[in-house]
PDB file of N, CA and C in Angstrom:
ATOM      1  N   MET A   1       9.032   0.071  -6.426  1.00  0.00           N
ATOM      2  CA  MET A   1       7.887  -0.670  -5.858  1.00  0.00           C
ATOM      3  C   MET A   1       8.409  -1.642  -4.801  1.00  0.00           C
ATOM      4  N   PRO A   2       7.920  -1.525  -3.568  1.00  0.00           N
ATOM      5  CA  PRO A   2       8.385  -2.439  -2.511  1.00  0.00           C
ATOM      6  C   PRO A   2       7.886  -3.861  -2.750  1.00  0.00           C
ATOM      7  N   ASP A   3       8.640  -4.809  -2.259  1.00  0.00           N
ATOM      8  CA  ASP A   3       8.271  -6.218  -2.391  1.00  0.00           C
ATOM      9  C   ASP A   3       7.191  -6.538  -1.357  1.00  0.00           C
ATOM     10  N   LEU A   4       5.955  -6.692  -1.812  1.00  0.00           N
ATOM     11  CA  LEU A   4       4.840  -6.890  -0.882  1.00  0.00           C
ATOM     12  C   LEU A   4       4.916  -8.236  -0.177  1.00  0.00           C
ATOM     13  N   PHE A   5       5.532  -9.228  -0.820  1.00  0.00           N
ATOM     14  CA  PHE A   5       5.644 -10.530  -0.164  1.00  0.00           C
ATOM     15  C   PHE A   5       6.607 -10.437   1.018  1.00  0.00           C
ATOM     16  N   TYR A   6       7.709  -9.741   0.826  1.00  0.00           N
ATOM     17  CA  TYR A   6       8.649  -9.530   1.924  1.00  0.00           C
ATOM     18  C   TYR A   6       7.967  -8.734   3.032  1.00  0.00           C
ATOM     19  N   PHE A   7       7.259  -7.692   2.622  1.00  0.00           N
ATOM     20  CA  PHE A   7       6.510  -6.822   3.529  1.00  0.00           C
ATOM     21  C   PHE A   7       5.562  -7.657   4.384  1.00  0.00           C
ATOM     22  N   ASN A   8       4.805  -8.541   3.721  1.00  0.00           N
ATOM     23  CA  ASN A   8       3.828  -9.400   4.378  1.00  0.00           C
ATOM     24  C   ASN A   8       4.509 -10.300   5.404  1.00  0.00           C
ATOM     25  N   ARG A   9       5.589 -10.967   4.993  1.00  0.00           N
ATOM     26  CA  ARG A   9       6.332 -11.848   5.908  1.00  0.00           C
ATOM     27  C   ARG A   9       6.865 -11.063   7.088  1.00  0.00           C
ATOM     28  N   HIS A  10       7.389  -9.889   6.820  1.00  0.00           N
ATOM     29  CA  HIS A  10       7.971  -9.059   7.864  1.00  0.00           C
ATOM     30  C   HIS A  10       6.920  -8.753   8.932  1.00  0.00           C
ATOM     31  N   PHE A  11       5.713  -8.385   8.494  1.00  0.00           N
ATOM     32  CA  PHE A  11       4.670  -8.054   9.456  1.00  0.00           C
ATOM     33  C   PHE A  11       4.171  -9.284  10.185  1.00  0.00           C
ATOM     34  N   HIS A  12       4.124 -10.437   9.496  1.00  0.00           N
ATOM     35  CA  HIS A  12       3.717 -11.671  10.158  1.00  0.00           C
ATOM     36  C   HIS A  12       4.718 -12.030  11.249  1.00  0.00           C
ATOM     37  N   SER A  13       6.000 -11.862  10.979  1.00  0.00           N
ATOM     38  CA  SER A  13       7.012 -12.231  11.965  1.00  0.00           C
ATOM     39  C   SER A  13       6.987 -11.262  13.147  1.00  0.00           C
ATOM     40  N   MET A  14       6.589 -10.019  12.890  1.00  0.00           N
ATOM     41  CA  MET A  14       6.479  -9.041  13.971  1.00  0.00           C
ATOM     42  C   MET A  14       5.270  -9.316  14.851  1.00  0.00           C
ATOM     43  N   GLN A  15       4.285 -10.044  14.309  1.00  0.00           N
ATOM     44  CA  GLN A  15       3.025 -10.293  15.008  1.00  0.00           C
ATOM     45  C   GLN A  15       2.402  -8.966  15.450  1.00  0.00           C
ATOM     46  N   ALA A  16       2.305  -8.030  14.520  1.00  0.00           N
ATOM     47  CA  ALA A  16       1.654  -6.758  14.805  1.00  0.00           C
ATOM     48  C   ALA A  16       0.194  -7.026  15.166  1.00  0.00           C
ATOM     49  N   GLY A  17      -0.360  -6.197  16.029  1.00  0.00           N
ATOM     50  CA  GLY A  17      -1.706  -6.427  16.549  1.00  0.00           C
ATOM     51  C   GLY A  17      -2.814  -6.107  15.559  1.00  0.00           C
ATOM     52  N   ILE A  18      -2.476  -5.943  14.287  1.00  0.00           N
ATOM     53  CA  ILE A  18      -3.490  -5.638  13.277  1.00  0.00           C
ATOM     54  C   ILE A  18      -3.495  -6.714  12.214  1.00  0.00           C
ATOM     55  N   PRO A  19      -4.644  -6.963  11.587  1.00  0.00           N
ATOM     56  CA  PRO A  19      -4.676  -7.932  10.486  1.00  0.00           C
ATOM     57  C   PRO A  19      -3.824  -7.434   9.328  1.00  0.00           C
ATOM     58  N   VAL A  20      -2.877  -8.263   8.908  1.00  0.00           N
ATOM     59  CA  VAL A  20      -1.929  -7.843   7.876  1.00  0.00           C
ATOM     60  C   VAL A  20      -2.642  -7.600   6.544  1.00  0.00           C
ATOM     61  N   GLY A  21      -3.584  -8.466   6.209  1.00  0.00           N
ATOM     62  CA  GLY A  21      -4.302  -8.320   4.946  1.00  0.00           C
ATOM     63  C   GLY A  21      -5.016  -6.980   4.864  1.00  0.00           C
ATOM     64  N   THR A  22      -5.682  -6.606   5.970  1.00  0.00           N
ATOM     65  CA  THR A  22      -6.404  -5.336   6.000  1.00  0.00           C
ATOM     66  C   THR A  22      -5.432  -4.184   5.834  1.00  0.00           C
ATOM     67  N   PHE A  23      -4.298  -4.273   6.520  1.00  0.00           N
ATOM     68  CA  PHE A  23      -3.281  -3.222   6.431  1.00  0.00           C
ATOM     69  C   PHE A  23      -2.793  -3.066   4.996  1.00  0.00           C
ATOM     70  N   LEU A  24      -2.497  -4.206   4.345  1.00  0.00           N
ATOM     71  CA  LEU A  24      -2.001  -4.156   2.968  1.00  0.00           C
ATOM     72  C   LEU A  24      -3.062  -3.607   2.023  1.00  0.00           C
ATOM     73  N   GLN A  25      -4.335  -3.963   2.268  1.00  0.00           N
ATOM     74  CA  GLN A  25      -5.410  -3.432   1.427  1.00  0.00           C
ATOM     75  C   GLN A  25      -5.493  -1.918   1.575  1.00  0.00           C
ATOM     76  N   LYS A  26      -5.361  -1.414   2.815  1.00  0.00           N
ATOM     77  CA  LYS A  26      -5.406   0.032   3.030  1.00  0.00           C
ATOM     78  C   LYS A  26      -4.239   0.713   2.330  1.00  0.00           C
ATOM     79  N   MET A  27      -3.048   0.123   2.449  1.00  0.00           N
ATOM     80  CA  MET A  27      -1.874   0.697   1.800  1.00  0.00           C
ATOM     81  C   MET A  27      -2.069   0.718   0.285  1.00  0.00           C
ATOM     82  N   GLU A  28      -2.625  -0.366  -0.251  1.00  0.00           N
ATOM     83  CA  GLU A  28      -2.850  -0.458  -1.693  1.00  0.00           C
ATOM     84  C   GLU A  28      -3.853   0.600  -2.138  1.00  0.00           C
ATOM     85  N   THR A  29      -4.916   0.795  -1.342  1.00  0.00           N
ATOM     86  CA  THR A  29      -5.931   1.803  -1.668  1.00  0.00           C
ATOM     87  C   THR A  29      -5.316   3.189  -1.688  1.00  0.00           C
ATOM     88  N   ILE A  30      -4.490   3.488  -0.672  1.00  0.00           N
ATOM     89  CA  ILE A  30      -3.825   4.792  -0.604  1.00  0.00           C
ATOM     90  C   ILE A  30      -2.907   4.967  -1.808  1.00  0.00           C
ATOM     91  N   PHE A  31      -2.153   3.913  -2.132  1.00  0.00           N
ATOM     92  CA  PHE A  31      -1.222   3.960  -3.264  1.00  0.00           C
ATOM     93  C   PHE A  31      -1.974   4.244  -4.564  1.00  0.00           C
ATOM     94  N   VAL A  32      -3.090   3.545  -4.776  1.00  0.00           N
ATOM     95  CA  VAL A  32      -3.893   3.735  -5.994  1.00  0.00           C
ATOM     96  C   VAL A  32      -4.422   5.162  -6.059  1.00  0.00           C
ATOM     97  N   LYS A  33      -4.891   5.685  -4.911  1.00  0.00           N
ATOM     98  CA  LYS A  33      -5.409   7.058  -4.884  1.00  0.00           C
ATOM     99  C   LYS A  33      -4.315   8.053  -5.231  1.00  0.00           C
ATOM    100  N   VAL A  34      -3.133   7.852  -4.666  1.00  0.00           N
ATOM    101  CA  VAL A  34      -2.016   8.766  -4.937  1.00  0.00           C
ATOM    102  C   VAL A  34      -1.657   8.738  -6.420  1.00  0.00           C
ATOM    103  N   VAL A  35      -1.577   7.529  -6.988  1.00  0.00           N
ATOM    104  CA  VAL A  35      -1.214   7.398  -8.402  1.00  0.00           C
ATOM    105  C   VAL A  35      -2.257   8.065  -9.289  1.00  0.00           C
ATOM    106  N   SER A  36      -3.546   7.841  -8.997  1.00  0.00           N
ATOM    107  CA  SER A  36      -4.589   8.440  -9.836  1.00  0.00           C
ATOM    108  C   SER A  36      -4.600   9.955  -9.675  1.00  0.00           C
ATOM    109  N   CYS A  37      -4.301  10.452  -8.477  1.00  0.00           N
ATOM    110  CA  CYS A  37      -4.204  11.900  -8.268  1.00  0.00           C
ATOM    111  C   CYS A  37      -3.062  12.474  -9.102  1.00  0.00           C
ATOM    112  N   GLU A  38      -1.941  11.783  -9.132  1.00  0.00           N
ATOM    113  CA  GLU A  38      -0.797  12.252  -9.921  1.00  0.00           C
ATOM    114  C   GLU A  38      -1.146  12.281 -11.404  1.00  0.00           C
ATOM    115  N   LYS A  39      -1.857  11.251 -11.881  1.00  0.00           N
ATOM    116  CA  LYS A  39      -2.246  11.216 -13.295  1.00  0.00           C
ATOM    117  C   LYS A  39      -3.154  12.394 -13.623  1.00  0.00           C
ATOM    118  N   ASN A  40      -4.135  12.658 -12.752  1.00  0.00           N
ATOM    119  CA  ASN A  40      -5.048  13.782 -12.980  1.00  0.00           C
ATOM    120  C   ASN A  40      -4.282  15.096 -12.969  1.00  0.00           C
ATOM    121  N   TRP A  41      -3.352  15.232 -12.039  1.00  0.00           N
ATOM    122  CA  TRP A  41      -2.556  16.451 -11.929  1.00  0.00           C
ATOM    123  C   TRP A  41      -1.723  16.666 -13.195  1.00  0.00           C
ATOM    124  N   ASN A  42      -1.139  15.584 -13.715  1.00  0.00           N
ATOM    125  CA  ASN A  42      -0.337  15.688 -14.941  1.00  0.00           C
ATOM    126  C   ASN A  42      -1.199  16.098 -16.134  1.00  0.00           C
ATOM    127  N   MET A  43      -2.436  15.629 -16.176  1.00  0.00           N
ATOM    128  CA  MET A  43      -3.332  16.006 -17.272  1.00  0.00           C
ATOM    129  C   MET A  43      -3.683  17.492 -17.187  1.00  0.00           C
ATOM    130  N   LEU A  44      -3.810  17.998 -15.962  1.00  0.00           N
ATOM    131  CA  LEU A  44      -4.197  19.401 -15.781  1.00  0.00           C
ATOM    132  C   LEU A  44      -3.082  20.349 -16.192  1.00  0.00           C
ATOM    133  N   GLN A  45      -1.852  19.929 -16.016  1.00  0.00           N
ATOM    134  CA  GLN A  45      -0.729  20.838 -16.280  1.00  0.00           C
ATOM    135  C   GLN A  45      -0.485  21.023 -17.767  1.00  0.00           C
TER     136      GLN A  45
END
């Protein structure tokens, strides 16, 4: 699991042209979807 606080600081220091909070929320949503897909897949097997 990556360190999200380090991740957050890193993006703030880069001054990326996107809102960092929104980016992290999207990443978290994708991560949750992937994990739940894996759980469903494991149940099917």
